[in-house]
Amino acid sequence: MSDLVQPLGGRVLVRVLEEESVTKSGLFLPDTAKEKPQRGEVVAIGEDTDLIKVAVGDRVLFPKYTGTEIRVADADHLIIESGDLLAILRDADTASVAA
């Protein structure tokens, strides 16, 4: 993926992860009722490694309306300033083992 788009400076390329289309109670949500995605996976980072605190493969949380939307290899992506990222998401299984 990073061969197609290489972010510059302190930016990261994030593949947007789709939100669930079915609620926990089993109700189907149409696209118009879904919230804008806020989670993604880092697929490439810029060359300013002193500024960037995430690595390729990290799952991250970002604000709803941030970054520049692009479509790469039939998937939605965002180019985001690394400082705009809110958090790195960890698996519950990994967190319980580490604790």
PDB file of N, CA and C in Angstrom:
ATOM      1  N   MET A   1       0.823  -1.194   0.000  1.00  0.00           N
ATOM      2  CA  MET A   1       0.000   0.000   0.000  1.00  0.00           C
ATOM      3  C   MET A   1       0.862   1.250   0.000  1.00  0.00           C
ATOM      4  N   SER A   2       1.897   1.288   0.833  1.00  0.00           N
ATOM      5  CA  SER A   2       2.714   2.497   0.924  1.00  0.00           C
ATOM      6  C   SER A   2       3.475   2.758  -0.373  1.00  0.00           C
ATOM      7  N   ASP A   3       3.519   1.785  -1.287  1.00  0.00           N
ATOM      8  CA  ASP A   3       4.151   2.013  -2.581  1.00  0.00           C
ATOM      9  C   ASP A   3       3.310   2.941  -3.444  1.00  0.00           C
ATOM     10  N   LEU A   4       1.982   2.957  -3.235  1.00  0.00           N
ATOM     11  CA  LEU A   4       1.088   3.781  -4.034  1.00  0.00           C
ATOM     12  C   LEU A   4       1.021   5.221  -3.543  1.00  0.00           C
ATOM     13  N   VAL A   5       0.970   5.414  -2.227  1.00  0.00           N
ATOM     14  CA  VAL A   5       0.870   6.757  -1.634  1.00  0.00           C
ATOM     15  C   VAL A   5       1.850   6.840  -0.471  1.00  0.00           C
ATOM     16  N   GLN A   6       2.754   7.811  -0.523  1.00  0.00           N
ATOM     17  CA  GLN A   6       3.710   8.019   0.554  1.00  0.00           C
ATOM     18  C   GLN A   6       3.443   9.383   1.179  1.00  0.00           C
ATOM     19  N   PRO A   7       2.938   9.421   2.422  1.00  0.00           N
ATOM     20  CA  PRO A   7       2.697  10.709   3.072  1.00  0.00           C
ATOM     21  C   PRO A   7       4.006  11.479   3.275  1.00  0.00           C
ATOM     22  N   LEU A   8       3.901  12.794   3.301  1.00  0.00           N
ATOM     23  CA  LEU A   8       5.073  13.645   3.501  1.00  0.00           C
ATOM     24  C   LEU A   8       5.060  14.244   4.893  1.00  0.00           C
ATOM     25  N   GLY A   9       6.234  14.567   5.403  1.00  0.00           N
ATOM     26  CA  GLY A   9       6.366  15.241   6.696  1.00  0.00           C
ATOM     27  C   GLY A   9       5.798  14.434   7.839  1.00  0.00           C
ATOM     28  N   GLY A  10       4.951  15.074   8.641  1.00  0.00           N
ATOM     29  CA  GLY A  10       4.367  14.434   9.817  1.00  0.00           C
ATOM     30  C   GLY A  10       2.990  13.859   9.567  1.00  0.00           C
ATOM     31  N   ARG A  11       2.696  13.507   8.322  1.00  0.00           N
ATOM     32  CA  ARG A  11       1.379  12.957   7.994  1.00  0.00           C
ATOM     33  C   ARG A  11       1.415  11.435   7.984  1.00  0.00           C
ATOM     34  N   VAL A  12       0.223  10.843   8.177  1.00  0.00           N
ATOM     35  CA  VAL A  12       0.077   9.391   8.103  1.00  0.00           C
ATOM     36  C   VAL A  12      -1.062   9.059   7.157  1.00  0.00           C
ATOM     37  N   LEU A  13      -0.967   7.917   6.506  1.00  0.00           N
ATOM     38  CA  LEU A  13      -2.025   7.397   5.648  1.00  0.00           C
ATOM     39  C   LEU A  13      -2.762   6.334   6.437  1.00  0.00           C
ATOM     40  N   VAL A  14      -4.070   6.526   6.610  1.00  0.00           N
ATOM     41  CA  VAL A  14      -4.887   5.637   7.434  1.00  0.00           C
ATOM     42  C   VAL A  14      -5.976   5.019   6.566  1.00  0.00           C
ATOM     43  N   ARG A  15      -6.068   3.684   6.577  1.00  0.00           N
ATOM     44  CA  ARG A  15      -7.177   2.993   5.904  1.00  0.00           C
ATOM     45  C   ARG A  15      -8.358   3.025   6.855  1.00  0.00           C
ATOM     46  N   VAL A  16      -9.459   3.584   6.402  1.00  0.00           N
ATOM     47  CA  VAL A  16     -10.637   3.733   7.240  1.00  0.00           C
ATOM     48  C   VAL A  16     -11.277   2.370   7.462  1.00  0.00           C
ATOM     49  N   LEU A  17     -11.545   2.041   8.729  1.00  0.00           N
ATOM     50  CA  LEU A  17     -12.224   0.787   9.072  1.00  0.00           C
ATOM     51  C   LEU A  17     -13.719   1.047   9.096  1.00  0.00           C
ATOM     52  N   GLU A  18     -14.468   0.192   8.434  1.00  0.00           N
ATOM     53  CA  GLU A  18     -15.916   0.354   8.352  1.00  0.00           C
ATOM     54  C   GLU A  18     -16.560   0.134   9.705  1.00  0.00           C
ATOM     55  N   GLU A  19     -17.550   0.950  10.002  1.00  0.00           N
ATOM     56  CA  GLU A  19     -18.317   0.787  11.233  1.00  0.00           C
ATOM     57  C   GLU A  19     -19.317  -0.349  11.047  1.00  0.00           C
ATOM     58  N   GLU A  20     -19.746  -0.935  12.150  1.00  0.00           N
ATOM     59  CA  GLU A  20     -20.710  -2.025  12.110  1.00  0.00           C
ATOM     60  C   GLU A  20     -22.018  -1.563  11.489  1.00  0.00           C
ATOM     61  N   SER A  21     -22.637  -2.402  10.660  1.00  0.00           N
ATOM     62  CA  SER A  21     -23.911  -2.042  10.049  1.00  0.00           C
ATOM     63  C   SER A  21     -25.090  -2.699  10.769  1.00  0.00           C
ATOM     64  N   VAL A  22     -24.798  -3.473  11.807  1.00  0.00           N
ATOM     65  CA  VAL A  22     -25.843  -4.102  12.609  1.00  0.00           C
ATOM     66  C   VAL A  22     -25.581  -3.764  14.077  1.00  0.00           C
ATOM     67  N   THR A  23     -26.609  -3.324  14.784  1.00  0.00           N
ATOM     68  CA  THR A  23     -26.455  -2.987  16.198  1.00  0.00           C
ATOM     69  C   THR A  23     -26.321  -4.258  17.029  1.00  0.00           C
ATOM     70  N   LYS A  24     -25.955  -4.114  18.296  1.00  0.00           N
ATOM     71  CA  LYS A  24     -25.834  -5.265  19.187  1.00  0.00           C
ATOM     72  C   LYS A  24     -27.161  -5.995  19.346  1.00  0.00           C
ATOM     73  N   SER A  25     -28.256  -5.261  19.217  1.00  0.00           N
ATOM     74  CA  SER A  25     -29.575  -5.886  19.349  1.00  0.00           C
ATOM     75  C   SER A  25     -30.064  -6.494  18.038  1.00  0.00           C
ATOM     76  N   GLY A  26     -29.267  -6.370  16.957  1.00  0.00           N
ATOM     77  CA  GLY A  26     -29.603  -7.018  15.695  1.00  0.00           C
ATOM     78  C   GLY A  26     -30.293  -6.135  14.676  1.00  0.00           C
ATOM     79  N   LEU A  27     -30.402  -4.848  14.938  1.00  0.00           N
ATOM     80  CA  LEU A  27     -31.036  -3.944  13.988  1.00  0.00           C
ATOM     81  C   LEU A  27     -30.048  -3.546  12.902  1.00  0.00           C
ATOM     82  N   PHE A  28     -30.509  -3.554  11.643  1.00  0.00           N
ATOM     83  CA  PHE A  28     -29.677  -3.165  10.509  1.00  0.00           C
ATOM     84  C   PHE A  28     -29.684  -1.655  10.377  1.00  0.00           C
ATOM     85  N   LEU A  29     -28.510  -1.053  10.225  1.00  0.00           N
ATOM     86  CA  LEU A  29     -28.387   0.401  10.054  1.00  0.00           C
ATOM     87  C   LEU A  29     -28.116   0.722   8.591  1.00  0.00           C
ATOM     88  N   PRO A  30     -28.983   1.501   7.944  1.00  0.00           N
ATOM     89  CA  PRO A  30     -28.690   1.922   6.570  1.00  0.00           C
ATOM     90  C   PRO A  30     -27.539   2.923   6.568  1.00  0.00           C
ATOM     91  N   ASP A  31     -26.908   3.123   5.417  1.00  0.00           N
ATOM     92  CA  ASP A  31     -25.758   4.021   5.313  1.00  0.00           C
ATOM     93  C   ASP A  31     -26.080   5.431   5.799  1.00  0.00           C
ATOM     94  N   THR A  32     -27.307   5.888   5.589  1.00  0.00           N
ATOM     95  CA  THR A  32     -27.674   7.245   5.998  1.00  0.00           C
ATOM     96  C   THR A  32     -27.741   7.400   7.508  1.00  0.00           C
ATOM     97  N   ALA A  33     -27.899   6.299   8.246  1.00  0.00           N
ATOM     98  CA  ALA A  33     -27.994   6.369   9.704  1.00  0.00           C
ATOM     99  C   ALA A  33     -26.653   6.109  10.393  1.00  0.00           C
ATOM    100  N   LYS A  34     -25.665   5.654   9.637  1.00  0.00           N
ATOM    101  CA  LYS A  34     -24.358   5.367  10.229  1.00  0.00           C
ATOM    102  C   LYS A  34     -23.614   6.651  10.547  1.00  0.00           C
ATOM    103  N   GLU A  35     -22.827   6.594  11.600  1.00  0.00           N
ATOM    104  CA  GLU A  35     -21.962   7.721  11.943  1.00  0.00           C
ATOM    105  C   GLU A  35     -20.721   7.672  11.064  1.00  0.00           C
ATOM    106  N   LYS A  36     -20.093   8.814  10.894  1.00  0.00           N
ATOM    107  CA  LYS A  36     -18.852   8.882  10.129  1.00  0.00           C
ATOM    108  C   LYS A  36     -17.786   8.080  10.877  1.00  0.00           C
ATOM    109  N   PRO A  37     -17.042   7.214  10.170  1.00  0.00           N
ATOM    110  CA  PRO A  37     -16.032   6.384  10.843  1.00  0.00           C
ATOM    111  C   PRO A  37     -14.984   7.221  11.561  1.00  0.00           C
ATOM    112  N   GLN A  38     -14.496   6.686  12.670  1.00  0.00           N
ATOM    113  CA  GLN A  38     -13.454   7.353  13.450  1.00  0.00           C
ATOM    114  C   GLN A  38     -12.286   6.420  13.740  1.00  0.00           C
ATOM    115  N   ARG A  39     -12.305   5.218  13.178  1.00  0.00           N
ATOM    116  CA  ARG A  39     -11.235   4.259  13.440  1.00  0.00           C
ATOM    117  C   ARG A  39     -10.582   3.861  12.126  1.00  0.00           C
ATOM    118  N   GLY A  40      -9.273   3.563  12.209  1.00  0.00           N
ATOM    119  CA  GLY A  40      -8.572   3.153  11.009  1.00  0.00           C
ATOM    120  C   GLY A  40      -7.269   2.458  11.351  1.00  0.00           C
ATOM    121  N   GLU A  41      -6.606   2.001  10.305  1.00  0.00           N
ATOM    122  CA  GLU A  41      -5.324   1.318  10.451  1.00  0.00           C
ATOM    123  C   GLU A  41      -4.264   2.096   9.678  1.00  0.00           C
ATOM    124  N   VAL A  42      -3.152   2.381  10.318  1.00  0.00           N
ATOM    125  CA  VAL A  42      -2.058   3.119   9.682  1.00  0.00           C
ATOM    126  C   VAL A  42      -1.407   2.214   8.642  1.00  0.00           C
ATOM    127  N   VAL A  43      -1.335   2.704   7.393  1.00  0.00           N
ATOM    128  CA  VAL A  43      -0.724   1.908   6.334  1.00  0.00           C
ATOM    129  C   VAL A  43       0.579   2.512   5.822  1.00  0.00           C
ATOM    130  N   ALA A  44       0.812   3.798   6.116  1.00  0.00           N
ATOM    131  CA  ALA A  44       2.079   4.438   5.729  1.00  0.00           C
ATOM    132  C   ALA A  44       2.274   5.674   6.591  1.00  0.00           C
ATOM    133  N   ILE A  45       3.540   6.009   6.833  1.00  0.00           N
ATOM    134  CA  ILE A  45       3.850   7.197   7.625  1.00  0.00           C
ATOM    135  C   ILE A  45       4.841   8.066   6.857  1.00  0.00           C
ATOM    136  N   GLY A  46       4.846   9.372   7.179  1.00  0.00           N
ATOM    137  CA  GLY A  46       5.780  10.305   6.558  1.00  0.00           C
ATOM    138  C   GLY A  46       7.187  10.113   7.082  1.00  0.00           C
ATOM    139  N   GLU A  47       8.093  10.938   6.586  1.00  0.00           N
ATOM    140  CA  GLU A  47       9.506  10.771   6.948  1.00  0.00           C
ATOM    141  C   GLU A  47       9.894  11.464   8.250  1.00  0.00           C
ATOM    142  N   ASP A  48       9.000  12.252   8.850  1.00  0.00           N
ATOM    143  CA  ASP A  48       9.307  12.960  10.091  1.00  0.00           C
ATOM    144  C   ASP A  48       9.048  12.045  11.293  1.00  0.00           C
ATOM    145  N   THR A  49       9.928  11.078  11.498  1.00  0.00           N
ATOM    146  CA  THR A  49       9.713  10.053  12.532  1.00  0.00           C
ATOM    147  C   THR A  49       9.837  10.591  13.949  1.00  0.00           C
ATOM    148  N   ASP A  50      10.456  11.769  14.130  1.00  0.00           N
ATOM    149  CA  ASP A  50      10.513  12.380  15.471  1.00  0.00           C
ATOM    150  C   ASP A  50       9.139  12.869  15.903  1.00  0.00           C
ATOM    151  N   LEU A  51       8.338  13.295  14.952  1.00  0.00           N
ATOM    152  CA  LEU A  51       7.009  13.832  15.220  1.00  0.00           C
ATOM    153  C   LEU A  51       5.938  12.733  15.272  1.00  0.00           C
ATOM    154  N   ILE A  52       6.109  11.687  14.495  1.00  0.00           N
ATOM    155  CA  ILE A  52       5.092  10.640  14.363  1.00  0.00           C
ATOM    156  C   ILE A  52       5.268   9.591  15.456  1.00  0.00           C
ATOM    157  N   LYS A  53       4.207   9.359  16.230  1.00  0.00           N
ATOM    158  CA  LYS A  53       4.257   8.431  17.362  1.00  0.00           C
ATOM    159  C   LYS A  53       3.530   7.122  17.092  1.00  0.00           C
ATOM    160  N   VAL A  54       3.152   6.859  15.840  1.00  0.00           N
ATOM    161  CA  VAL A  54       2.479   5.611  15.482  1.00  0.00           C
ATOM    162  C   VAL A  54       3.329   4.863  14.467  1.00  0.00           C
ATOM    163  N   ALA A  55       3.027   3.589  14.301  1.00  0.00           N
ATOM    164  CA  ALA A  55       3.754   2.756  13.345  1.00  0.00           C
ATOM    165  C   ALA A  55       2.759   2.125  12.376  1.00  0.00           C
ATOM    166  N   VAL A  56       3.275   1.683  11.252  1.00  0.00           N
ATOM    167  CA  VAL A  56       2.437   0.983  10.279  1.00  0.00           C
ATOM    168  C   VAL A  56       1.828  -0.239  10.963  1.00  0.00           C
ATOM    169  N   GLY A  57       0.522  -0.419  10.777  1.00  0.00           N
ATOM    170  CA  GLY A  57      -0.189  -1.537  11.392  1.00  0.00           C
ATOM    171  C   GLY A  57      -0.963  -1.156  12.640  1.00  0.00           C
ATOM    172  N   ASP A  58      -0.638  -0.001  13.256  1.00  0.00           N
ATOM    173  CA  ASP A  58      -1.373   0.449  14.439  1.00  0.00           C
ATOM    174  C   ASP A  58      -2.810   0.786  14.055  1.00  0.00           C
ATOM    175  N   ARG A  59      -3.745   0.413  14.931  1.00  0.00           N
ATOM    176  CA  ARG A  59      -5.141   0.834  14.771  1.00  0.00           C
ATOM    177  C   ARG A  59      -5.313   2.098  15.592  1.00  0.00           C
ATOM    178  N   VAL A  60      -5.887   3.132  14.968  1.00  0.00           N
ATOM    179  CA  VAL A  60      -5.949   4.443  15.599  1.00  0.00           C
ATOM    180  C   VAL A  60      -7.369   4.998  15.610  1.00  0.00           C
ATOM    181  N   LEU A  61      -7.560   5.977  16.500  1.00  0.00           N
ATOM    182  CA  LEU A  61      -8.808   6.715  16.611  1.00  0.00           C
ATOM    183  C   LEU A  61      -8.528   8.148  16.172  1.00  0.00           C
ATOM    184  N   PHE A  62      -9.403   8.699  15.330  1.00  0.00           N
ATOM    185  CA  PHE A  62      -9.215  10.062  14.845  1.00  0.00           C
ATOM    186  C   PHE A  62     -10.545  10.811  14.894  1.00  0.00           C
ATOM    187  N   PRO A  63     -10.522  12.154  14.880  1.00  0.00           N
ATOM    188  CA  PRO A  63     -11.764  12.933  14.899  1.00  0.00           C
ATOM    189  C   PRO A  63     -12.614  12.641  13.662  1.00  0.00           C
ATOM    190  N   LYS A  64     -13.927  12.837  13.786  1.00  0.00           N
ATOM    191  CA  LYS A  64     -14.843  12.531  12.682  1.00  0.00           C
ATOM    192  C   LYS A  64     -14.533  13.310  11.413  1.00  0.00           C
ATOM    193  N   TYR A  65     -14.227  14.571  11.554  1.00  0.00           N
ATOM    194  CA  TYR A  65     -14.055  15.418  10.373  1.00  0.00           C
ATOM    195  C   TYR A  65     -12.627  15.940  10.317  1.00  0.00           C
ATOM    196  N   THR A  66     -11.717  15.067   9.938  1.00  0.00           N
ATOM    197  CA  THR A  66     -10.316  15.442   9.844  1.00  0.00           C
ATOM    198  C   THR A  66      -9.692  14.797   8.619  1.00  0.00           C
ATOM    199  N   GLY A  67      -8.587  15.321   8.196  1.00  0.00           N
ATOM    200  CA  GLY A  67      -7.817  14.713   7.122  1.00  0.00           C
ATOM    201  C   GLY A  67      -8.390  14.949   5.738  1.00  0.00           C
ATOM    202  N   THR A  68      -7.672  14.413   4.765  1.00  0.00           N
ATOM    203  CA  THR A  68      -8.058  14.484   3.365  1.00  0.00           C
ATOM    204  C   THR A  68      -8.446  13.082   2.909  1.00  0.00           C
ATOM    205  N   GLU A  69      -9.675  12.949   2.419  1.00  0.00           N
ATOM    206  CA  GLU A  69     -10.178  11.644   1.994  1.00  0.00           C
ATOM    207  C   GLU A  69      -9.655  11.320   0.603  1.00  0.00           C
ATOM    208  N   ILE A  70      -9.141  10.100   0.447  1.00  0.00           N
ATOM    209  CA  ILE A  70      -8.729   9.599  -0.873  1.00  0.00           C
ATOM    210  C   ILE A  70      -9.160   8.147  -0.988  1.00  0.00           C
ATOM    211  N   ARG A  71      -9.226   7.665  -2.210  1.00  0.00           N
ATOM    212  CA  ARG A  71      -9.572   6.260  -2.460  1.00  0.00           C
ATOM    213  C   ARG A  71      -8.352   5.607  -3.110  1.00  0.00           C
ATOM    214  N   VAL A  72      -7.838   4.563  -2.473  1.00  0.00           N
ATOM    215  CA  VAL A  72      -6.659   3.851  -2.964  1.00  0.00           C
ATOM    216  C   VAL A  72      -6.999   2.369  -2.988  1.00  0.00           C
ATOM    217  N   ALA A  73      -6.789   1.739  -4.139  1.00  0.00           N
ATOM    218  CA  ALA A  73      -7.024   0.297  -4.288  1.00  0.00           C
ATOM    219  C   ALA A  73      -8.424  -0.082  -3.784  1.00  0.00           C
ATOM    220  N   ASP A  74      -9.430   0.675  -4.200  1.00  0.00           N
ATOM    221  CA  ASP A  74     -10.838   0.426  -3.865  1.00  0.00           C
ATOM    222  C   ASP A  74     -11.127   0.446  -2.377  1.00  0.00           C
ATOM    223  N   ALA A  75     -10.357   1.179  -1.607  1.00  0.00           N
ATOM    224  CA  ALA A  75     -10.607   1.321  -0.167  1.00  0.00           C
ATOM    225  C   ALA A  75     -10.476   2.796   0.213  1.00  0.00           C
ATOM    226  N   ASP A  76     -11.295   3.234   1.172  1.00  0.00           N
ATOM    227  CA  ASP A  76     -11.246   4.615   1.645  1.00  0.00           C
ATOM    228  C   ASP A  76     -10.064   4.807   2.580  1.00  0.00           C
ATOM    229  N   HIS A  77      -9.352   5.900   2.380  1.00  0.00           N
ATOM    230  CA  HIS A  77      -8.191   6.251   3.198  1.00  0.00           C
ATOM    231  C   HIS A  77      -8.269   7.718   3.566  1.00  0.00           C
ATOM    232  N   LEU A  78      -7.534   8.093   4.592  1.00  0.00           N
ATOM    233  CA  LEU A  78      -7.371   9.481   4.996  1.00  0.00           C
ATOM    234  C   LEU A  78      -5.889   9.794   5.117  1.00  0.00           C
ATOM    235  N   ILE A  79      -5.495  10.981   4.683  1.00  0.00           N
ATOM    236  CA  ILE A  79      -4.163  11.485   4.981  1.00  0.00           C
ATOM    237  C   ILE A  79      -4.362  12.476   6.120  1.00  0.00           C
ATOM    238  N   ILE A  80      -3.755  12.174   7.269  1.00  0.00           N
ATOM    239  CA  ILE A  80      -3.993  12.925   8.498  1.00  0.00           C
ATOM    240  C   ILE A  80      -2.667  13.405   9.072  1.00  0.00           C
ATOM    241  N   GLU A  81      -2.662  14.610   9.628  1.00  0.00           N
ATOM    242  CA  GLU A  81      -1.510  15.075  10.397  1.00  0.00           C
ATOM    243  C   GLU A  81      -1.389  14.167  11.626  1.00  0.00           C
ATOM    244  N   SER A  82      -0.199  13.703  11.944  1.00  0.00           N
ATOM    245  CA  SER A  82      -0.038  12.769  13.058  1.00  0.00           C
ATOM    246  C   SER A  82      -0.512  13.364  14.378  1.00  0.00           C
ATOM    247  N   GLY A  83      -0.420  14.677  14.536  1.00  0.00           N
ATOM    248  CA  GLY A  83      -0.884  15.329  15.751  1.00  0.00           C
ATOM    249  C   GLY A  83      -2.396  15.320  15.902  1.00  0.00           C
ATOM    250  N   ASP A  84      -3.128  15.072  14.810  1.00  0.00           N
ATOM    251  CA  ASP A  84      -4.593  15.008  14.859  1.00  0.00           C
ATOM    252  C   ASP A  84      -5.099  13.665  15.355  1.00  0.00           C
ATOM    253  N   LEU A  85      -4.237  12.645  15.383  1.00  0.00           N
ATOM    254  CA  LEU A  85      -4.669  11.338  15.870  1.00  0.00           C
ATOM    255  C   LEU A  85      -4.953  11.423  17.366  1.00  0.00           C
ATOM    256  N   LEU A  86      -6.030  10.764  17.805  1.00  0.00           N
ATOM    257  CA  LEU A  86      -6.453  10.851  19.201  1.00  0.00           C
ATOM    258  C   LEU A  86      -5.876   9.745  20.075  1.00  0.00           C
ATOM    259  N   ALA A  87      -5.773   8.525  19.532  1.00  0.00           N
ATOM    260  CA  ALA A  87      -5.332   7.397  20.362  1.00  0.00           C
ATOM    261  C   ALA A  87      -4.937   6.221  19.486  1.00  0.00           C
ATOM    262  N   ILE A  88      -4.124   5.337  20.063  1.00  0.00           N
ATOM    263  CA  ILE A  88      -3.830   4.038  19.459  1.00  0.00           C
ATOM    264  C   ILE A  88      -4.763   3.043  20.135  1.00  0.00           C
ATOM    265  N   LEU A  89      -5.467   2.239  19.343  1.00  0.00           N
ATOM    266  CA  LEU A  89      -6.413   1.266  19.881  1.00  0.00           C
ATOM    267  C   LEU A  89      -5.704  -0.064  20.101  1.00  0.00           C
ATOM    268  N   ARG A  90      -5.861  -0.624  21.258  1.00  0.00           N
ATOM    269  CA  ARG A  90      -5.270  -1.925  21.602  1.00  0.00           C
ATOM    270  C   ARG A  90      -6.379  -2.968  21.682  1.00  0.00           C
ATOM    271  N   ASP A  91      -6.043  -4.215  21.400  1.00  0.00           N
ATOM    272  CA  ASP A  91      -6.990  -5.317  21.574  1.00  0.00           C
ATOM    273  C   ASP A  91      -7.238  -5.565  23.026  1.00  0.00           C
ATOM    274  N   ALA A  92      -8.452  -5.966  23.389  1.00  0.00           N
ATOM    275  CA  ALA A  92      -8.779  -6.276  24.777  1.00  0.00           C
ATOM    276  C   ALA A  92      -7.949  -7.473  25.246  1.00  0.00           C
ATOM    277  N   ASP A  93      -7.703  -8.444  24.361  1.00  0.00           N
ATOM    278  CA  ASP A  93      -6.918  -9.618  24.739  1.00  0.00           C
ATOM    279  C   ASP A  93      -5.485  -9.228  25.084  1.00  0.00           C
ATOM    280  N   THR A  94      -4.892  -8.334  24.298  1.00  0.00           N
ATOM    281  CA  THR A  94      -3.533  -7.889  24.538  1.00  0.00           C
ATOM    282  C   THR A  94      -3.447  -7.092  25.830  1.00  0.00           C
ATOM    283  N   ALA A  95      -4.438  -6.232  26.081  1.00  0.00           N
ATOM    284  CA  ALA A  95      -4.426  -5.390  27.281  1.00  0.00           C
ATOM    285  C   ALA A  95      -4.531  -6.237  28.538  1.00  0.00           C
ATOM    286  N   SER A  96      -5.334  -7.294  28.522  1.00  0.00           N
ATOM    287  CA  SER A  96      -5.496  -8.118  29.729  1.00  0.00           C
ATOM    288  C   SER A  96      -4.239  -8.937  30.010  1.00  0.00           C
ATOM    289  N   VAL A  97      -3.508  -9.323  28.965  1.00  0.00           N
ATOM    290  CA  VAL A  97      -2.265 -10.071  29.157  1.00  0.00           C
ATOM    291  C   VAL A  97      -1.191  -9.158  29.721  1.00  0.00           C
ATOM    292  N   ALA A  98      -1.129  -7.911  29.236  1.00  0.00           N
ATOM    293  CA  ALA A  98      -0.103  -6.981  29.663  1.00  0.00           C
ATOM    294  C   ALA A  98      -0.331  -6.483  31.092  1.00  0.00           C
ATOM    295  N   ALA A  99      -1.559  -6.496  31.556  1.00  0.00           N
ATOM    296  CA  ALA A  99      -1.862  -5.944  32.875  1.00  0.00           C
ATOM    297  C   ALA A  99      -1.487  -6.839  34.003  1.00  0.00           C
TER     298      ALA A  99
END
